[in-house]
Amino acid sequence: MRIIDITPRHVDIANAELSGLGVVAEVGDARLLNAPDNSFDVVLMFGPLYHLPEHDDRITALREAVRVVRPGGVVAVAAISRFASLFDGLAHKFLFDPDFLEIVVQDLATGQHRNPQEQPNWWTTAFFHRPHQLPEEIAEVGLIIKELVGIEGLTAYLPKLADNWENEADRDTILWAARVVESETTLLGVSPHLLLVAAAPN
């Protein structure tokens, strides 16, 4: 297994902690992968799409994933919901700060998340997808969409559930609640993170 990350510190941590499992990490850019065509059965894109604010860069990264995955292979893509800052801001009361509110207004209008004052916990430069935009970008590069789900759903904003998570029966109930709505198209945007699973054409 190979991990490619643009941040050297992340690569160092991965190599230190995962090398014993046969994992090799290296510094790289999702838009230009150092890998031959058709070289992986599965490509996981857990980060590039929301750290690439420009549409053309996201499409370039997706085309690279298509290039390096084998025909019929799996490409799984994570994205951040357009509404993540809104709900997170309410849950953590950031939204009552006029500066954060201004950030959220821009997020909702354009998907372009910026934190010009570099406030801790207000995150970094990113792009937040509307749920329908992610499948559109995936289809643009010729991948075959298999499933789109919201990873956490509303539970991401319910901190009181942390105590219930320690109880096995309660944990099963929390997971059940997440699963019954994870593919509900009218609720996908509630989840801070989206996951799309696609297949490369044969």
C-alpha atoms as a PDB file:
ATOM      1  CA  MET A   1       0.000   0.000   0.000  1.00  0.00           C
ATOM      2  CA  ARG A   2       1.207   3.493  -0.859  1.00  0.00           C
ATOM      3  CA  ILE A   3       0.232   6.758   0.771  1.00  0.00           C
ATOM      4  CA  ILE A   4       0.849   9.963  -1.151  1.00  0.00           C
ATOM      5  CA  ASP A   5       0.528  13.223   0.755  1.00  0.00           C
ATOM      6  CA  ILE A   6       1.647  16.745  -0.041  1.00  0.00           C
ATOM      7  CA  THR A   7       2.749  17.424   3.570  1.00  0.00           C
ATOM      8  CA  PRO A   8       6.183  16.028   4.525  1.00  0.00           C
ATOM      9  CA  ARG A   9       5.251  15.840   8.220  1.00  0.00           C
ATOM     10  CA  HIS A  10       2.302  13.566   7.415  1.00  0.00           C
ATOM     11  CA  VAL A  11       4.548  11.364   5.315  1.00  0.00           C
ATOM     12  CA  ASP A  12       7.091  11.072   8.134  1.00  0.00           C
ATOM     13  CA  ILE A  13       4.392  10.078  10.621  1.00  0.00           C
ATOM     14  CA  ALA A  14       2.902   7.496   8.268  1.00  0.00           C
ATOM     15  CA  ASN A  15       6.284   5.922   7.561  1.00  0.00           C
ATOM     16  CA  ALA A  16       7.175   5.840  11.265  1.00  0.00           C
ATOM     17  CA  GLU A  17       3.876   4.344  12.399  1.00  0.00           C
ATOM     18  CA  LEU A  18       2.790   2.167   9.476  1.00  0.00           C
ATOM     19  CA  SER A  19       5.933   0.847   7.825  1.00  0.00           C
ATOM     20  CA  GLY A  20       5.655  -2.346   9.865  1.00  0.00           C
ATOM     21  CA  LEU A  21       2.372  -3.031   8.083  1.00  0.00           C
ATOM     22  CA  GLY A  22       3.972  -2.747   4.674  1.00  0.00           C
ATOM     23  CA  VAL A  23       2.793   0.810   4.074  1.00  0.00           C
ATOM     24  CA  VAL A  24       5.096   3.187   2.196  1.00  0.00           C
ATOM     25  CA  ALA A  25       4.383   6.908   2.286  1.00  0.00           C
ATOM     26  CA  GLU A  26       5.861   9.553   0.024  1.00  0.00           C
ATOM     27  CA  VAL A  27       5.474  13.233  -0.700  1.00  0.00           C
ATOM     28  CA  GLY A  28       3.480  13.893  -3.837  1.00  0.00           C
ATOM     29  CA  ASP A  29       0.743  15.860  -5.536  1.00  0.00           C
ATOM     30  CA  ALA A  30      -2.608  14.296  -6.429  1.00  0.00           C
ATOM     31  CA  ARG A  31      -2.559  16.221  -9.703  1.00  0.00           C
ATOM     32  CA  LEU A  32       0.613  14.472 -10.895  1.00  0.00           C
ATOM     33  CA  LEU A  33       1.086  11.039  -9.357  1.00  0.00           C
ATOM     34  CA  ASN A  34       4.403   9.247  -9.501  1.00  0.00           C
ATOM     35  CA  ALA A  35       2.851   5.931 -10.565  1.00  0.00           C
ATOM     36  CA  PRO A  36       2.419   4.042 -13.827  1.00  0.00           C
ATOM     37  CA  ASP A  37      -0.910   3.675 -15.610  1.00  0.00           C
ATOM     38  CA  ASN A  38      -3.239   0.922 -14.334  1.00  0.00           C
ATOM     39  CA  SER A  39      -1.090   0.191 -11.279  1.00  0.00           C
ATOM     40  CA  PHE A  40      -3.628   0.013  -8.397  1.00  0.00           C
ATOM     41  CA  ASP A  41      -6.781  -1.962  -7.703  1.00  0.00           C
ATOM     42  CA  VAL A  42      -8.126   0.780  -5.406  1.00  0.00           C
ATOM     43  CA  VAL A  43      -7.438   4.510  -5.162  1.00  0.00           C
ATOM     44  CA  LEU A  44      -8.596   6.398  -2.066  1.00  0.00           C
ATOM     45  CA  MET A  45      -8.790  10.167  -2.462  1.00  0.00           C
ATOM     46  CA  PHE A  46      -9.232  11.255   1.136  1.00  0.00           C
ATOM     47  CA  GLY A  47      -8.210  14.886   1.067  1.00  0.00           C
ATOM     48  CA  PRO A  48      -7.270  16.148  -2.372  1.00  0.00           C
ATOM     49  CA  LEU A  49     -10.710  17.262  -3.505  1.00  0.00           C
ATOM     50  CA  TYR A  50     -11.418  19.547  -0.585  1.00  0.00           C
ATOM     51  CA  HIS A  51      -7.859  20.881  -0.493  1.00  0.00           C
ATOM     52  CA  LEU A  52      -8.021  21.867  -4.168  1.00  0.00           C
ATOM     53  CA  PRO A  53     -10.256  24.949  -4.315  1.00  0.00           C
ATOM     54  CA  GLU A  54     -10.252  25.239  -8.116  1.00  0.00           C
ATOM     55  CA  HIS A  55     -12.458  23.031 -10.262  1.00  0.00           C
ATOM     56  CA  ASP A  56      -9.786  22.391 -12.896  1.00  0.00           C
ATOM     57  CA  ASP A  57      -7.339  21.164 -10.245  1.00  0.00           C
ATOM     58  CA  ARG A  58      -9.922  18.780  -8.805  1.00  0.00           C
ATOM     59  CA  ILE A  59     -10.641  17.384 -12.253  1.00  0.00           C
ATOM     60  CA  THR A  60      -6.899  16.963 -12.902  1.00  0.00           C
ATOM     61  CA  ALA A  61      -6.548  15.003  -9.643  1.00  0.00           C
ATOM     62  CA  LEU A  62      -9.534  12.825 -10.523  1.00  0.00           C
ATOM     63  CA  ARG A  63      -8.090  12.135 -13.977  1.00  0.00           C
ATOM     64  CA  GLU A  64      -4.860  11.026 -12.319  1.00  0.00           C
ATOM     65  CA  ALA A  65      -6.842   8.618 -10.136  1.00  0.00           C
ATOM     66  CA  VAL A  66      -8.499   7.212 -13.259  1.00  0.00           C
ATOM     67  CA  ARG A  67      -5.109   6.885 -14.935  1.00  0.00           C
ATOM     68  CA  VAL A  68      -3.458   4.880 -12.155  1.00  0.00           C
ATOM     69  CA  VAL A  69      -6.381   2.609 -11.244  1.00  0.00           C
ATOM     70  CA  ARG A  70      -6.842  -0.621 -13.160  1.00  0.00           C
ATOM     71  CA  PRO A  71      -9.892  -1.061 -15.423  1.00  0.00           C
ATOM     72  CA  GLY A  72     -12.837  -1.953 -13.204  1.00  0.00           C
ATOM     73  CA  GLY A  73     -10.946  -0.796 -10.108  1.00  0.00           C
ATOM     74  CA  VAL A  74     -12.422   1.254  -7.280  1.00  0.00           C
ATOM     75  CA  VAL A  75     -11.954   4.991  -6.755  1.00  0.00           C
ATOM     76  CA  ALA A  76     -13.318   6.284  -3.438  1.00  0.00           C
ATOM     77  CA  VAL A  77     -13.499  10.039  -2.975  1.00  0.00           C
ATOM     78  CA  ALA A  78     -14.130  12.094   0.163  1.00  0.00           C
ATOM     79  CA  ALA A  79     -15.550  15.612   0.108  1.00  0.00           C
ATOM     80  CA  ILE A  80     -16.730  18.167   2.640  1.00  0.00           C
ATOM     81  CA  SER A  81     -20.337  19.306   2.550  1.00  0.00           C
ATOM     82  CA  ARG A  82     -21.142  22.889   1.587  1.00  0.00           C
ATOM     83  CA  PHE A  83     -23.032  23.193   4.882  1.00  0.00           C
ATOM     84  CA  ALA A  84     -20.297  21.863   7.200  1.00  0.00           C
ATOM     85  CA  SER A  85     -19.220  25.255   8.546  1.00  0.00           C
ATOM     86  CA  LEU A  86     -22.813  26.328   9.108  1.00  0.00           C
ATOM     87  CA  PHE A  87     -23.688  23.316  11.251  1.00  0.00           C
ATOM     88  CA  ASP A  88     -20.293  23.123  12.955  1.00  0.00           C
ATOM     89  CA  GLY A  89     -20.500  26.840  13.678  1.00  0.00           C
ATOM     90  CA  LEU A  90     -23.847  26.381  15.355  1.00  0.00           C
ATOM     91  CA  ALA A  91     -22.714  23.331  17.314  1.00  0.00           C
ATOM     92  CA  HIS A  92     -19.587  25.070  18.625  1.00  0.00           C
ATOM     93  CA  LYS A  93     -21.097  28.586  18.764  1.00  0.00           C
ATOM     94  CA  PHE A  94     -18.550  29.996  16.298  1.00  0.00           C
ATOM     95  CA  LEU A  95     -21.424  31.246  14.183  1.00  0.00           C
ATOM     96  CA  PHE A  96     -22.154  34.008  16.687  1.00  0.00           C
ATOM     97  CA  ASP A  97     -18.780  35.595  15.890  1.00  0.00           C
ATOM     98  CA  PRO A  98     -19.320  38.055  13.003  1.00  0.00           C
ATOM     99  CA  ASP A  99     -15.986  37.089  11.430  1.00  0.00           C
ATOM    100  CA  PHE A 100     -16.921  33.407  11.333  1.00  0.00           C
ATOM    101  CA  LEU A 101     -20.394  34.257  10.088  1.00  0.00           C
ATOM    102  CA  GLU A 102     -18.771  36.088   7.170  1.00  0.00           C
ATOM    103  CA  ILE A 103     -16.766  32.954   6.343  1.00  0.00           C
ATOM    104  CA  VAL A 104     -19.922  30.827   6.390  1.00  0.00           C
ATOM    105  CA  VAL A 105     -21.778  33.250   4.129  1.00  0.00           C
ATOM    106  CA  GLN A 106     -18.991  32.837   1.554  1.00  0.00           C
ATOM    107  CA  ASP A 107     -18.960  29.049   2.034  1.00  0.00           C
ATOM    108  CA  LEU A 108     -22.669  28.845   1.293  1.00  0.00           C
ATOM    109  CA  ALA A 109     -22.475  31.149  -1.716  1.00  0.00           C
ATOM    110  CA  THR A 110     -19.387  29.776  -3.461  1.00  0.00           C
ATOM    111  CA  GLY A 111     -18.031  26.721  -1.633  1.00  0.00           C
ATOM    112  CA  GLN A 112     -14.730  28.571  -1.233  1.00  0.00           C
ATOM    113  CA  HIS A 113     -13.767  28.330   2.450  1.00  0.00           C
ATOM    114  CA  ARG A 114     -11.180  30.841   3.643  1.00  0.00           C
ATOM    115  CA  ASN A 115      -9.815  31.662   7.098  1.00  0.00           C
ATOM    116  CA  PRO A 116      -7.933  34.924   6.432  1.00  0.00           C
ATOM    117  CA  GLN A 117      -7.183  35.570  10.113  1.00  0.00           C
ATOM    118  CA  GLU A 118      -5.944  31.972  10.574  1.00  0.00           C
ATOM    119  CA  GLN A 119      -8.173  31.524  13.592  1.00  0.00           C
ATOM    120  CA  PRO A 120      -7.649  28.137  15.290  1.00  0.00           C
ATOM    121  CA  ASN A 121     -10.522  25.679  14.706  1.00  0.00           C
ATOM    122  CA  TRP A 122     -11.833  27.665  11.727  1.00  0.00           C
ATOM    123  CA  TRP A 123      -9.901  25.443   9.338  1.00  0.00           C
ATOM    124  CA  THR A 124      -7.944  26.292   6.222  1.00  0.00           C
ATOM    125  CA  THR A 125      -8.349  27.106   2.541  1.00  0.00           C
ATOM    126  CA  ALA A 126     -10.689  24.523   1.052  1.00  0.00           C
ATOM    127  CA  PHE A 127     -13.593  23.783  -1.245  1.00  0.00           C
ATOM    128  CA  PHE A 128     -16.922  22.521   0.092  1.00  0.00           C
ATOM    129  CA  HIS A 129     -19.156  20.582  -2.321  1.00  0.00           C
ATOM    130  CA  ARG A 130     -22.898  20.617  -2.608  1.00  0.00           C
ATOM    131  CA  PRO A 131     -23.949  16.936  -2.652  1.00  0.00           C
ATOM    132  CA  HIS A 132     -24.893  17.036  -6.339  1.00  0.00           C
ATOM    133  CA  GLN A 133     -21.571  18.605  -7.377  1.00  0.00           C
ATOM    134  CA  LEU A 134     -19.451  15.651  -6.322  1.00  0.00           C
ATOM    135  CA  PRO A 135     -21.164  13.155  -8.668  1.00  0.00           C
ATOM    136  CA  GLU A 136     -20.966  15.739 -11.455  1.00  0.00           C
ATOM    137  CA  GLU A 137     -17.182  15.981 -11.098  1.00  0.00           C
ATOM    138  CA  ILE A 138     -16.838  12.209 -10.877  1.00  0.00           C
ATOM    139  CA  ALA A 139     -18.907  11.725 -14.024  1.00  0.00           C
ATOM    140  CA  GLU A 140     -16.834  14.372 -15.803  1.00  0.00           C
ATOM    141  CA  VAL A 141     -13.786  12.073 -15.723  1.00  0.00           C
ATOM    142  CA  GLY A 142     -15.693   8.978 -16.835  1.00  0.00           C
ATOM    143  CA  LEU A 143     -15.947   7.115 -13.525  1.00  0.00           C
ATOM    144  CA  ILE A 144     -19.054   5.009 -12.885  1.00  0.00           C
ATOM    145  CA  ILE A 145     -20.776   6.078  -9.682  1.00  0.00           C
ATOM    146  CA  LYS A 146     -21.718   3.240  -7.344  1.00  0.00           C
ATOM    147  CA  GLU A 147     -22.720   4.986  -4.125  1.00  0.00           C
ATOM    148  CA  LEU A 148     -22.785   8.392  -2.445  1.00  0.00           C
ATOM    149  CA  VAL A 149     -23.245   8.565   1.317  1.00  0.00           C
ATOM    150  CA  GLY A 150     -22.983  11.034   4.164  1.00  0.00           C
ATOM    151  CA  ILE A 151     -20.346   9.658   6.525  1.00  0.00           C
ATOM    152  CA  GLU A 152     -21.401  11.054   9.902  1.00  0.00           C
ATOM    153  CA  GLY A 153     -24.844  12.515   9.320  1.00  0.00           C
ATOM    154  CA  LEU A 154     -26.379  14.636  12.048  1.00  0.00           C
ATOM    155  CA  THR A 155     -24.523  12.678  14.762  1.00  0.00           C
ATOM    156  CA  ALA A 156     -21.400  14.727  14.020  1.00  0.00           C
ATOM    157  CA  TYR A 157     -23.015  17.677  15.779  1.00  0.00           C
ATOM    158  CA  LEU A 158     -24.384  15.851  18.807  1.00  0.00           C
ATOM    159  CA  PRO A 159     -21.566  15.778  21.383  1.00  0.00           C
ATOM    160  CA  LYS A 160     -23.787  14.286  24.085  1.00  0.00           C
ATOM    161  CA  LEU A 161     -23.713  11.001  22.178  1.00  0.00           C
ATOM    162  CA  ALA A 162     -20.060  10.498  23.151  1.00  0.00           C
ATOM    163  CA  ASP A 163     -21.086   8.839  26.420  1.00  0.00           C
ATOM    164  CA  ASN A 164     -23.489   6.516  24.615  1.00  0.00           C
ATOM    165  CA  TRP A 165     -20.750   5.490  22.195  1.00  0.00           C
ATOM    166  CA  GLU A 166     -18.962   3.678  25.046  1.00  0.00           C
ATOM    167  CA  ASN A 167     -21.962   1.355  25.491  1.00  0.00           C
ATOM    168  CA  GLU A 168     -22.065  -1.398  22.853  1.00  0.00           C
ATOM    169  CA  ALA A 169     -25.851  -1.470  22.508  1.00  0.00           C
ATOM    170  CA  ASP A 170     -26.034   2.329  22.325  1.00  0.00           C
ATOM    171  CA  ARG A 171     -23.219   2.390  19.777  1.00  0.00           C
ATOM    172  CA  ASP A 172     -25.194  -0.027  17.605  1.00  0.00           C
ATOM    173  CA  THR A 173     -28.183   2.298  17.821  1.00  0.00           C
ATOM    174  CA  ILE A 174     -26.089   5.330  16.830  1.00  0.00           C
ATOM    175  CA  LEU A 175     -24.662   3.437  13.858  1.00  0.00           C
ATOM    176  CA  TRP A 176     -28.130   2.248  12.853  1.00  0.00           C
ATOM    177  CA  ALA A 177     -29.396   5.847  12.957  1.00  0.00           C
ATOM    178  CA  ALA A 178     -26.526   6.946  10.716  1.00  0.00           C
ATOM    179  CA  ARG A 179     -27.020   4.108   8.241  1.00  0.00           C
ATOM    180  CA  VAL A 180     -30.742   4.610   7.709  1.00  0.00           C
ATOM    181  CA  VAL A 181     -30.147   8.129   6.381  1.00  0.00           C
ATOM    182  CA  GLU A 182     -26.634   7.907   4.910  1.00  0.00           C
ATOM    183  CA  SER A 183     -27.944   7.603   1.333  1.00  0.00           C
ATOM    184  CA  GLU A 184     -31.006   9.812   1.727  1.00  0.00           C
ATOM    185  CA  THR A 185     -30.486  12.440  -0.940  1.00  0.00           C
ATOM    186  CA  THR A 186     -32.481  15.096   0.914  1.00  0.00           C
ATOM    187  CA  LEU A 187     -30.177  14.777   3.945  1.00  0.00           C
ATOM    188  CA  LEU A 188     -26.725  14.281   2.410  1.00  0.00           C
ATOM    189  CA  GLY A 189     -25.704  17.895   2.977  1.00  0.00           C
ATOM    190  CA  VAL A 190     -26.259  17.568   6.731  1.00  0.00           C
ATOM    191  CA  SER A 191     -23.221  15.300   7.016  1.00  0.00           C
ATOM    192  CA  PRO A 192     -19.938  17.219   7.232  1.00  0.00           C
ATOM    193  CA  HIS A 193     -18.186  14.620   5.071  1.00  0.00           C
ATOM    194  CA  LEU A 194     -19.409  12.883   1.943  1.00  0.00           C
ATOM    195  CA  LEU A 195     -18.012   9.664   0.465  1.00  0.00           C
ATOM    196  CA  LEU A 196     -18.492   8.667  -3.137  1.00  0.00           C
ATOM    197  CA  VAL A 197     -17.494   5.211  -4.379  1.00  0.00           C
ATOM    198  CA  ALA A 198     -16.991   4.780  -8.102  1.00  0.00           C
ATOM    199  CA  ALA A 199     -15.561   2.264 -10.521  1.00  0.00           C
ATOM    200  CA  ALA A 200     -13.221   2.780 -13.445  1.00  0.00           C
ATOM    201  CA  PRO A 201     -14.578   1.637 -16.813  1.00  0.00           C
ATOM    202  CA  ASN A 202     -13.453  -1.810 -17.947  1.00  0.00           C
END
